[in-house]
Structure formats: C-alpha cells, structure tokens
C-alpha cells in the first residue's frame, strides 16, 4: 500500500458554527466540499492520515514531525472551546519517515517541539473528518523555509515510508490561499491575491503539480498565501502517480481564498515525476544565467566558490576591468537558490581600496556570514544565482515624495542605527514599503524621528 488519495483543504475558523455564529453559511460551498472530502476519506478507509499544516511547528531549515503517542487541541482561542479533538499518532510511521528523510539528507524529524497542542490548521480538517471516520492514526508535519524542491522531496519520503510499512495512507494538505483578495478583508487587497488564487486553483483542477513548484517567491509573499508549501509536499507524495483531480470548490467571501480539491491515485505515470522536471528546468536556467554573467558577477562567484572549496581568499584578478580596480564604492552581493534568498551582505560605504576587493569580501561574507542562513556548502555552489549591486553615493531627501522604489534604494538612520534596502526588489513596489522594511531592519520605530537617504545602484547579474 501507499498513498491512495490526497486532498487540499482550507482551515478558516469561521467555518465552525461555534466561531462563525451564522456567518459560516456564507461559505456553504466550502462546507459542502469539506463534507464530500470527509466521505471520500471514509470510503478509502485509511490506516494513517498524513497532514501538513502551516500552523504547526515551523522552522526555517527543518521539517518538524510531531512526536509522541497522542495529542489534543481545541478552538478556545477562536471562541469555541467546545470544539476539542484528540488524536493518536502513528509512531511507527513517524520513525520510518524520519529514517527516510535522514537517508535522503533531508532535515526532518521530531526534535524541537515548542507546542504540543493541535493547531487550527490540523483541528479544522479533523473536525469534518471525524464526523464520518475516526479509525486512523495521525502523522502531523509542519512546513519550513526550505525550497519548493525540499518540500517536494519530503513528500516523496512520505510515500516511501507508506510503501515500506505497507500502510494505506491518505494525505491532507491543509492551507488557505491568498489573504489579500478584498480591500475590506482582514489583510487588505493586492492584485497578486486574486491572480495567485486563479493560478493555483487552475493547477489544482488540472492536477498540474509542477506549477506548485514554479511560483515566484516574491509574488507569493505579496499575495500573502498560506498553503502552497503544503501543496508542494502533497505533490511529492504523489510523485510518479496518475491522479484523477477535481477542484471541488473555491470561495473568497471574506477576503481569504478557500480551495478544496481531491486527487485520487489511479496508477503509475512516469511522466508525472515533477521534481525531476523542476530540477532539469532549474539547471537549464542556471546554465543560461552563468553564460550571461558579467565580470562583476563572475568575480563574486569565483571568490565564494574558491573560499568554500579551499578556505582561501582569491586575489584581485589581473584581468579585472579597470573601473573595478580604480573605483571605490559600497557593494552588495546577493545569492539565490531555487528562487529563494540564500545570502546577502554588503557595505553602504566602501571598506576596501576598490570595487573588485569589495566584491571579493562581500561575496564570501554573503555565503558564509549572513546570520539568517547557515554557510553555503560545497554541494550548493552549482545551484546559486548571484547578483552584484554597486552603490552610488547616498543623498539626503526631505520626504518620501523624492523616492522611487524601482530607481532608488533607501537608507534610514537614527543615531548609530541604520537600515538599507536596495531598489527594484521583487514584491517591493512603493517607497512606503521600502521605508517600512528599512526601519524594521534598523530597529527604528516608525514613530521615531529618522533621516532618509536615497541612492542609485548599478546592478550586475
């Protein structure tokens, strides 16, 4: 046995009568679809339910699998204390899954539990399921800040664990869609919100799991989506499987997208190994990007690769363009992997004698000393995309009206506190957004007095 079926479901607390107090009737299509999902799972009679939730324990670089023999939770925080659910965990499956993840060098396991109680991303799907079926044990998994491909790989480990144990398993991917569908919604509106929901529900309807892997990170952040990583894990759990897909419902009544979809396994299909297809496309993209790199980016790449492989800092190359060796300027070096930031370090003012030396130092720092990430490993080097920003001289501005998010970067300062944001970043479309992010980076409260500077950059990719 293995994964026999999978379902995408939302988790809005308002869907429960005790929370909605009548408003749940405004998303009746979602309720009806949920009941259909519960009946389908009952027909499958799974031994184990594997459920991924964005609201379980989440780490930037680790997948947390809930440990222990059982857990319990309620909806007290949403005003419905009477909704309470207890579950038995499939400890044997958890052990096997942890072993599969270790075998495939994927950071996943039961360490680091911060909150044992079931989260609402788990409780709401089980609320509907338990009305029909309770003869199962649960495996609850949190998401991570790792790449789409890593989430897909976790799904493959889940399928391998099911096969190894000969378990009959149903996968539930818990996750809402965009939270920015309406001006009067709880999170406001952005055009990316409805666009994300249209694209992701189309992918659900067609069973196009490759699309789940290809969404741009900045686009998703602006859309304020919730469940995409759950869907990516589900896609990996169905790697190489023929599926009958159906979009059961979609609603955005309250300004948040709720999609319900079902995927019935119908056999094997080698053309649906989407992780392999995604990797192939990524390699082709990186190869093309490397061929177009200019001298600035090539120097950054050589500096980091040499340091990671040998521990040595390269010397300024004799063949470096003259302007790199004569000009002094602040430089930022950014690294991306699988479309996600992997490191970014820079200098506002020059700290070396020329731009070439600045690039060398900051490229090494971006890969090894960015406190947000662990150091780049040798096996990652071929997967990195570089960009180098050479900063122009900052100039003081009197107001936000003198800024342009595409043309100018910003520096905010108060005493020794300074925060910088580069221009023309994905998902940052207004000067107000720039200022807000820069203030957070500097640790300056918006109500404090601070100065604003703008600068232009020459971006090399």
Protein backbone atom coordinates (compact mmCIF):
# COMPACT_ATOMS: atom_id res chain seq x y z
CA UNK A 1 0.00 0.00 0.00
CA UNK A 2 0.94 3.67 -0.31
CA UNK A 3 -0.84 6.98 -0.77
CA UNK A 4 -4.32 6.15 -2.06
CA UNK A 5 -5.64 9.69 -2.22
CA UNK A 6 -4.86 13.28 -1.30
CA UNK A 7 -6.90 16.36 -0.53
CA UNK A 8 -6.31 20.10 -0.35
CA UNK A 9 -8.47 21.81 2.27
CA UNK A 10 -8.56 25.27 3.93
CA UNK A 11 -8.71 25.93 7.66
CA UNK A 12 -10.82 29.06 8.34
CA UNK A 13 -12.02 29.06 11.97
CA UNK A 14 -15.18 30.88 10.83
CA UNK A 15 -16.30 27.67 9.10
CA UNK A 16 -17.20 26.24 12.53
CA UNK A 17 -20.66 27.18 13.81
CA UNK A 18 -19.27 28.00 17.24
CA UNK A 19 -16.97 30.57 15.67
CA UNK A 20 -18.98 31.75 12.68
CA UNK A 21 -22.25 32.08 14.60
CA UNK A 22 -24.17 32.05 11.34
CA UNK A 23 -21.52 33.63 9.10
CA UNK A 24 -20.29 30.17 8.13
CA UNK A 25 -23.32 29.95 5.86
CA UNK A 26 -21.59 32.48 3.58
CA UNK A 27 -19.05 29.78 2.66
CA UNK A 28 -21.54 26.94 2.28
CA UNK A 29 -19.80 25.68 -0.88
CA UNK A 30 -16.64 25.14 1.15
CA UNK A 31 -18.60 23.32 3.86
CA UNK A 32 -20.28 21.08 1.29
CA UNK A 33 -16.93 20.30 -0.34
CA UNK A 34 -15.41 19.53 3.05
CA UNK A 35 -18.18 17.03 3.75
CA UNK A 36 -17.55 15.40 0.39
CA UNK A 37 -13.85 15.11 1.26
CA UNK A 38 -14.70 13.51 4.60
CA UNK A 39 -16.91 10.95 2.86
CA UNK A 40 -14.23 10.19 0.27
CA UNK A 41 -11.67 9.56 3.00
CA UNK A 42 -14.17 7.32 4.78
CA UNK A 43 -14.53 5.30 1.57
CA UNK A 44 -10.73 4.94 1.38
CA UNK A 45 -10.60 3.61 4.96
CA UNK A 46 -7.02 4.71 5.54
CA UNK A 47 -4.95 3.36 8.40
CA UNK A 48 -2.94 6.57 8.58
CA UNK A 49 -3.67 10.21 7.83
CA UNK A 50 -0.63 12.34 6.99
CA UNK A 51 -1.46 16.01 7.44
CA UNK A 52 0.71 19.06 6.74
CA UNK A 53 -0.19 22.33 8.41
CA UNK A 54 1.28 25.85 8.07
CA UNK A 55 0.35 26.43 11.72
CA UNK A 56 2.19 23.51 13.25
CA UNK A 57 5.77 23.98 14.49
CA UNK A 58 7.75 25.65 11.68
CA UNK A 59 11.48 26.20 11.27
CA UNK A 60 13.46 27.95 8.55
CA UNK A 61 15.67 24.95 7.80
CA UNK A 62 13.94 21.89 9.29
CA UNK A 63 10.68 19.95 8.90
CA UNK A 64 9.14 19.22 12.28
CA UNK A 65 7.22 15.94 12.64
CA UNK A 66 5.08 15.86 15.77
CA UNK A 67 6.46 13.36 18.30
CA UNK A 68 4.79 11.28 20.98
CA UNK A 69 1.89 8.87 21.06
CA UNK A 70 -1.00 11.33 21.13
CA UNK A 71 -2.03 14.97 21.17
CA UNK A 72 -5.06 17.11 21.86
CA UNK A 73 -6.29 20.56 20.95
CA UNK A 74 -9.32 22.83 20.97
CA UNK A 75 -10.60 26.02 19.36
CA UNK A 76 -10.70 28.01 22.59
CA UNK A 77 -8.59 30.83 21.16
CA UNK A 78 -11.26 31.37 18.48
CA UNK A 79 -14.14 31.42 20.94
CA UNK A 80 -15.25 27.79 20.51
CA UNK A 81 -13.86 25.82 23.50
CA UNK A 82 -16.40 23.05 22.94
CA UNK A 83 -14.63 22.06 19.70
CA UNK A 84 -11.92 19.77 21.01
CA UNK A 85 -10.17 16.85 19.31
CA UNK A 86 -7.71 14.22 20.47
CA UNK A 87 -5.64 12.04 18.16
CA UNK A 88 -3.38 9.00 18.33
CA UNK A 89 -0.14 9.41 16.40
CA UNK A 90 1.27 6.70 14.14
CA UNK A 91 4.61 6.42 15.95
CA UNK A 92 5.90 3.67 13.68
CA UNK A 93 5.24 5.80 10.60
CA UNK A 94 6.94 8.80 12.22
CA UNK A 95 10.03 6.70 12.92
CA UNK A 96 10.12 5.35 9.38
CA UNK A 97 9.59 8.81 7.86
CA UNK A 98 12.39 10.27 9.97
CA UNK A 99 14.63 7.47 8.75
CA UNK A 100 13.71 8.07 5.11
CA UNK A 101 14.44 11.77 5.49
CA UNK A 102 17.86 11.04 7.01
CA UNK A 103 18.61 8.58 4.21
CA UNK A 104 17.90 11.29 1.63
CA UNK A 105 19.79 14.04 3.53
CA UNK A 106 16.61 15.98 4.23
CA UNK A 107 16.46 17.89 7.53
CA UNK A 108 13.32 16.46 9.12
CA UNK A 109 12.48 14.79 12.41
CA UNK A 110 10.84 15.09 15.80
CA UNK A 111 13.27 17.46 17.52
CA UNK A 112 12.35 20.96 18.62
CA UNK A 113 8.69 20.68 19.55
CA UNK A 114 7.58 24.01 21.01
CA UNK A 115 3.85 23.46 21.32
CA UNK A 116 2.25 20.04 21.65
CA UNK A 117 -1.38 21.10 21.23
CA UNK A 118 -3.00 20.59 17.84
CA UNK A 119 -3.13 23.78 15.76
CA UNK A 120 -6.22 25.02 13.94
CA UNK A 121 -4.72 24.01 10.58
CA UNK A 122 -5.00 20.45 11.90
CA UNK A 123 -8.14 20.73 14.00
CA UNK A 124 -10.48 22.02 11.30
CA UNK A 125 -9.80 19.24 8.75
CA UNK A 126 -10.14 16.64 11.54
CA UNK A 127 -13.36 18.27 12.75
CA UNK A 128 -15.03 17.43 9.44
CA UNK A 129 -13.30 14.07 9.02
CA UNK A 130 -14.20 12.82 12.48
CA UNK A 131 -17.90 13.27 11.75
CA UNK A 132 -17.54 10.35 9.35
CA UNK A 133 -14.41 8.44 10.18
CA UNK A 134 -12.14 8.03 13.21
CA UNK A 135 -10.38 4.70 12.63
CA UNK A 136 -7.00 6.19 11.79
CA UNK A 137 -3.77 7.35 13.34
CA UNK A 138 -2.28 10.72 12.51
CA UNK A 139 1.10 11.97 11.32
CA UNK A 140 1.29 15.77 11.70
CA UNK A 141 4.03 17.66 9.88
CA UNK A 142 4.98 21.33 9.93
CA UNK A 143 6.32 23.23 6.95
CA UNK A 144 9.63 25.08 6.65
CA UNK A 145 11.50 27.92 4.99
CA UNK A 146 13.31 25.44 2.77
CA UNK A 147 12.95 25.37 -1.01
CA UNK A 148 9.95 24.12 -3.01
CA UNK A 149 12.06 21.17 -4.10
CA UNK A 150 12.84 20.25 -0.49
CA UNK A 151 9.11 20.24 0.30
CA UNK A 152 8.54 18.00 -2.72
CA UNK A 153 11.34 15.70 -1.55
CA UNK A 154 9.66 15.42 1.87
CA UNK A 155 6.51 14.26 0.09
CA UNK A 156 8.49 11.55 -1.68
CA UNK A 157 9.85 10.39 1.69
CA UNK A 158 6.27 10.17 2.98
CA UNK A 159 5.30 7.94 0.06
CA UNK A 160 8.37 5.76 0.60
CA UNK A 161 7.55 5.39 4.29
CA UNK A 162 4.00 4.32 3.41
CA UNK A 163 5.29 1.73 0.97
CA UNK A 164 7.91 0.44 3.39
CA UNK A 165 5.30 -0.07 6.12
CA UNK A 166 2.61 -1.26 3.70
CA UNK A 167 0.28 1.41 5.08
CA UNK A 168 -2.93 2.58 3.47
CA UNK A 169 -2.47 6.35 3.66
CA UNK A 170 -4.46 9.46 2.83
CA UNK A 171 -2.66 12.80 2.60
CA UNK A 172 -4.33 16.04 3.71
CA UNK A 173 -2.68 19.31 2.65
CA UNK A 174 -4.10 21.98 4.94
CA UNK A 175 -3.73 25.52 3.68
CA UNK A 176 -5.65 28.65 2.74
CA UNK A 177 -4.87 30.55 -0.45
CA UNK A 178 -4.31 34.32 -0.72
CA UNK A 179 -5.22 36.51 2.24
CA UNK A 180 -5.41 39.68 0.14
CA UNK A 181 -8.48 39.40 -2.02
CA UNK A 182 -10.57 42.37 -0.83
CA UNK A 183 -10.00 45.89 0.40
CA UNK A 184 -12.43 45.26 3.26
CA UNK A 185 -10.89 41.89 4.09
CA UNK A 186 -8.74 41.38 7.19
CA UNK A 187 -5.48 41.77 5.24
CA UNK A 188 -6.48 44.22 2.51
CA UNK A 189 -6.10 43.82 -1.25
CA UNK A 190 -3.31 43.40 -3.76
CA UNK A 191 -3.75 42.43 -7.44
CA UNK A 192 -1.44 39.48 -6.81
CA UNK A 193 -4.02 37.98 -4.44
CA UNK A 194 -6.74 37.11 -6.96
CA UNK A 195 -4.08 36.28 -9.56
CA UNK A 196 -2.42 33.76 -7.24
CA UNK A 197 -5.75 32.12 -6.44
CA UNK A 198 -6.67 31.88 -10.13
CA UNK A 199 -3.36 30.25 -10.98
CA UNK A 200 -3.21 27.84 -8.08
CA UNK A 201 -6.82 26.67 -8.40
CA UNK A 202 -6.26 26.12 -12.12
CA UNK A 203 -3.30 23.93 -11.21
CA UNK A 204 -5.46 22.01 -8.73
CA UNK A 205 -8.15 21.47 -11.32
CA UNK A 206 -5.67 20.13 -13.90
CA UNK A 207 -3.50 18.21 -11.46
CA UNK A 208 -0.56 20.35 -12.60
CA UNK A 209 1.77 19.79 -9.65
CA UNK A 210 4.76 21.25 -11.48
CA UNK A 211 3.06 24.65 -11.22
CA UNK A 212 3.12 24.36 -7.41
CA UNK A 213 6.92 24.36 -7.60
CA UNK A 214 7.27 27.25 -10.04
CA UNK A 215 5.56 30.15 -8.26
CA UNK A 216 7.81 33.17 -7.72
CA UNK A 217 8.58 33.70 -4.04
CA UNK A 218 8.05 37.47 -4.10
CA UNK A 219 4.73 37.06 -5.93
CA UNK A 220 3.55 34.59 -3.28
CA UNK A 221 4.65 36.86 -0.45
CA UNK A 222 2.76 39.81 -1.91
CA UNK A 223 -0.31 37.61 -2.36
CA UNK A 224 0.05 36.51 1.30
CA UNK A 225 -0.68 32.90 0.51
CA UNK A 226 -0.75 30.29 3.25
CA UNK A 227 -0.86 26.76 1.88
CA UNK A 228 1.47 26.48 -1.11
CA UNK A 229 4.18 24.60 0.78
CA UNK A 230 1.56 22.07 1.94
CA UNK A 231 0.60 21.55 -1.69
CA UNK A 232 4.25 21.05 -2.65
CA UNK A 233 4.66 18.28 -0.07
CA UNK A 234 1.45 16.68 -1.33
CA UNK A 235 2.76 16.82 -4.89
CA UNK A 236 5.89 14.96 -3.82
CA UNK A 237 3.82 12.31 -2.04
CA UNK A 238 2.11 11.67 -5.39
CA UNK A 239 5.34 11.69 -7.42
CA UNK A 240 5.05 9.41 -10.44
CA UNK A 241 1.37 8.66 -9.82
CA UNK A 242 -1.51 9.08 -12.22
CA UNK A 243 -4.23 11.04 -10.47
CA UNK A 244 -7.84 11.93 -11.06
CA UNK A 245 -8.04 15.56 -9.95
CA UNK A 246 -11.10 17.64 -9.12
CA UNK A 247 -11.47 21.18 -7.83
CA UNK A 248 -14.45 20.73 -5.53
CA UNK A 249 -14.93 24.38 -4.55
CA UNK A 250 -13.36 27.82 -4.35
CA UNK A 251 -14.58 30.83 -2.38
CA UNK A 252 -13.08 34.16 -1.33
CA UNK A 253 -16.06 35.54 0.56
CA UNK A 254 -14.15 37.01 3.49
CA UNK A 255 -11.11 38.23 1.56
CA UNK A 256 -9.20 34.96 2.01
CA UNK A 257 -9.15 32.21 -0.62
CA UNK A 258 -10.55 28.80 0.34
CA UNK A 259 -9.90 25.99 -2.13
CA UNK A 260 -10.93 22.35 -1.78
CA UNK A 261 -9.56 19.75 -4.19
CA UNK A 262 -9.30 15.98 -4.39
CA UNK A 263 -6.71 13.74 -6.04
CA UNK A 264 -7.42 10.03 -6.46
CA UNK A 265 -4.48 7.81 -7.28
CA UNK A 266 -5.18 5.87 -10.48
CA UNK A 267 -1.92 4.01 -11.03
CA UNK A 268 1.62 4.80 -12.12
CA UNK A 269 2.63 7.56 -14.54
CA UNK A 270 6.31 8.19 -15.17
CA UNK A 271 5.55 11.49 -16.88
CA UNK A 272 4.40 12.94 -13.54
CA UNK A 273 7.79 13.00 -11.83
CA UNK A 274 7.60 16.73 -11.36
CA UNK A 275 10.55 17.05 -9.02
CA UNK A 276 12.88 15.74 -11.72
CA UNK A 277 11.30 18.05 -14.30
CA UNK A 278 11.70 21.04 -11.99
CA UNK A 279 15.36 20.24 -11.30
CA UNK A 280 16.04 19.91 -15.02
CA UNK A 281 14.48 23.31 -15.71
CA UNK A 282 16.40 24.89 -12.85
CA UNK A 283 19.70 23.51 -14.15
CA UNK A 284 18.98 24.84 -17.63
CA UNK A 285 18.07 28.24 -16.20
CA UNK A 286 21.26 28.39 -14.11
CA UNK A 287 23.44 27.33 -17.04
CA UNK A 288 21.92 30.07 -19.19
CA UNK A 289 22.34 32.64 -16.40
CA UNK A 290 26.00 31.71 -15.89
CA UNK A 291 26.71 32.18 -19.58
CA UNK A 292 25.40 35.75 -19.34
CA UNK A 293 27.30 36.75 -16.18
CA UNK A 294 29.48 39.84 -16.50
CA UNK A 295 32.89 40.37 -14.89
CA UNK A 296 31.40 41.62 -11.60
CA UNK A 297 29.25 38.54 -11.08
CA UNK A 298 31.95 36.15 -12.28
CA UNK A 299 34.29 37.62 -9.69
CA UNK A 300 31.72 37.17 -6.92
CA UNK A 301 31.14 33.57 -7.94
CA UNK A 302 34.85 32.77 -8.15
CA UNK A 303 35.50 34.39 -4.76
CA UNK A 304 32.85 32.37 -2.92
CA UNK A 305 33.49 29.08 -4.73
CA UNK A 306 37.23 29.28 -4.06
CA UNK A 307 36.70 30.12 -0.40
CA UNK A 308 34.17 27.34 0.20
CA UNK A 309 36.27 24.75 -1.62
CA UNK A 310 39.74 25.72 -0.33
CA UNK A 311 39.34 28.17 2.53
CA UNK A 312 41.46 30.68 0.63
CA UNK A 313 40.59 34.25 -0.42
CA UNK A 314 41.36 34.95 -4.05
CA UNK A 315 43.46 37.93 -5.03
CA UNK A 316 42.15 40.68 -7.23
CA UNK A 317 42.39 39.26 -10.79
CA UNK A 318 44.80 40.98 -13.17
CA UNK A 319 42.22 40.81 -15.94
CA UNK A 320 39.56 42.69 -13.93
CA UNK A 321 38.10 45.70 -15.78
CA UNK A 322 39.84 48.97 -15.00
CA UNK A 323 36.77 50.56 -13.39
CA UNK A 324 36.56 47.71 -10.88
CA UNK A 325 40.12 48.39 -9.75
CA UNK A 326 40.03 52.19 -9.68
CA UNK A 327 36.55 52.96 -8.31
CA UNK A 328 35.65 52.90 -4.60
CA UNK A 329 32.02 52.17 -3.69
CA UNK A 330 29.75 50.22 -1.40
CA UNK A 331 28.79 46.84 -2.82
CA UNK A 332 26.07 44.31 -2.04
CA UNK A 333 26.35 40.68 -3.13
CA UNK A 334 23.15 38.62 -3.16
CA UNK A 335 22.78 34.86 -3.55
CA UNK A 336 19.64 32.95 -4.50
CA UNK A 337 18.93 29.24 -4.55
CA UNK A 338 15.76 27.73 -6.03
CA UNK A 339 14.34 31.25 -6.33
CA UNK A 340 14.85 32.00 -2.63
CA UNK A 341 17.35 34.29 -0.95
CA UNK A 342 20.37 32.31 0.24
CA UNK A 343 22.52 35.18 1.47
CA UNK A 344 23.02 38.93 1.11
CA UNK A 345 25.81 41.02 2.60
CA UNK A 346 27.02 44.46 1.62
CA UNK A 347 28.65 47.72 2.57
CA UNK A 348 27.00 51.12 2.42
CA UNK A 349 30.34 52.91 2.22
CA UNK A 350 33.49 51.36 0.72
CA UNK A 351 35.68 49.45 3.18
CA UNK A 352 38.42 48.42 0.74
CA UNK A 353 40.50 50.23 -1.86
CA UNK A 354 38.33 49.29 -4.87
CA UNK A 355 35.11 47.70 -6.06
CA UNK A 356 36.87 44.45 -7.02
CA UNK A 357 38.12 43.90 -3.48
CA UNK A 358 34.72 44.92 -2.11
CA UNK A 359 33.08 42.23 -4.26
CA UNK A 360 35.50 39.56 -3.10
CA UNK A 361 34.97 40.30 0.59
CA UNK A 362 31.20 40.66 0.38
CA UNK A 363 30.70 37.57 -1.79
CA UNK A 364 32.50 35.47 0.82
CA UNK A 365 30.51 37.10 3.62
CA UNK A 366 27.18 36.60 1.80
CA UNK A 367 27.88 32.86 1.56
CA UNK A 368 29.39 32.30 4.98
CA UNK A 369 28.44 35.08 7.42
CA UNK A 370 24.83 36.06 6.75
CA UNK A 371 23.30 35.36 10.19
CA UNK A 372 19.98 34.37 8.63
CA UNK A 373 21.46 31.29 6.94
CA UNK A 374 23.96 28.54 7.56
CA UNK A 375 27.13 28.70 5.48
CA UNK A 376 26.91 27.65 1.85
CA UNK A 377 28.06 24.05 1.42
CA UNK A 378 30.22 22.78 -1.44
CA UNK A 379 27.33 20.83 -2.95
CA UNK A 380 25.24 24.02 -3.15
CA UNK A 381 27.71 26.07 -5.18
CA UNK A 382 26.42 24.98 -8.56
CA UNK A 383 22.85 25.89 -7.57
CA UNK A 384 23.47 29.53 -6.72
CA UNK A 385 22.44 32.59 -8.69
CA UNK A 386 24.46 35.75 -7.97
CA UNK A 387 23.80 39.47 -8.29
CA UNK A 388 26.15 42.35 -7.50
CA UNK A 389 24.91 45.88 -6.73
CA UNK A 390 27.41 48.73 -6.84
CA UNK A 391 26.03 51.64 -4.82
CA UNK A 392 26.09 55.25 -5.87
CA UNK A 393 26.74 57.96 -3.29
CA UNK A 394 23.75 58.40 -0.91
CA UNK A 395 21.97 61.76 -0.86
CA UNK A 396 19.66 63.16 1.80
CA UNK A 397 15.97 63.60 0.94
CA UNK A 398 13.31 65.63 2.69
CA UNK A 399 10.36 63.31 2.14
CA UNK A 400 9.11 60.05 0.69
CA UNK A 401 7.93 62.03 -2.35
CA UNK A 402 11.54 62.15 -3.56
CA UNK A 403 11.82 58.36 -3.67
CA UNK A 404 11.12 55.83 -6.39
CA UNK A 405 11.11 52.14 -5.37
CA UNK A 406 12.36 50.99 -8.77
CA UNK A 407 15.12 53.57 -9.22
CA UNK A 408 16.40 54.37 -5.74
CA UNK A 409 17.44 52.34 -2.74
CA UNK A 410 16.86 53.86 0.69
CA UNK A 411 18.83 54.29 3.90
CA UNK A 412 17.08 55.25 7.14
CA UNK A 413 19.15 56.44 10.09
CA UNK A 414 18.72 57.41 13.72
CA UNK A 415 21.93 57.83 15.65
CA UNK A 416 24.00 54.68 15.13
CA UNK A 417 21.01 52.72 13.81
CA UNK A 418 20.91 52.38 10.01
CA UNK A 419 18.76 50.28 7.72
CA UNK A 420 19.27 49.88 3.98
CA UNK A 421 17.07 48.45 1.26
CA UNK A 422 18.15 48.01 -2.33
CA UNK A 423 15.95 49.30 -5.20
CA UNK A 424 13.87 47.33 -7.67
CA UNK A 425 13.24 44.32 -5.43
CA UNK A 426 10.54 41.76 -6.20
CA UNK A 427 7.42 42.45 -4.15
CA UNK A 428 8.53 45.94 -3.03
CA UNK A 429 6.58 48.35 -5.21
CA UNK A 430 6.30 51.61 -3.26
CA UNK A 431 8.61 53.93 -1.31
CA UNK A 432 6.39 53.41 1.72
CA UNK A 433 7.11 49.68 1.60
CA UNK A 434 10.82 50.41 1.26
CA UNK A 435 10.82 52.70 4.29
CA UNK A 436 8.83 50.21 6.39
CA UNK A 437 11.23 47.36 5.65
CA UNK A 438 14.33 49.51 6.15
CA UNK A 439 13.03 50.74 9.52
CA UNK A 440 12.49 47.17 10.70
CA UNK A 441 16.00 46.20 9.61
CA UNK A 442 17.40 49.17 11.55
CA UNK A 443 15.30 48.56 14.65
CA UNK A 444 13.81 52.06 14.36
CA UNK A 445 10.15 52.54 15.34
CA UNK A 446 8.10 54.40 12.68
CA UNK A 447 7.06 56.99 15.27
CA UNK A 448 10.67 57.99 15.93
CA UNK A 449 12.45 60.78 14.08
CA UNK A 450 14.84 59.48 11.46
CA UNK A 451 16.59 60.66 8.32
CA UNK A 452 16.15 59.27 4.82
CA UNK A 453 18.79 58.97 2.12
CA UNK A 454 18.40 57.64 -1.38
CA UNK A 455 20.95 56.09 -3.68
CA UNK A 456 21.12 54.56 -7.12
CA UNK A 457 22.78 51.26 -7.94
CA UNK A 458 24.34 49.61 -10.92
CA UNK A 459 23.05 46.04 -10.82
CA UNK A 460 25.07 43.21 -12.31
CA UNK A 461 23.63 39.74 -12.87
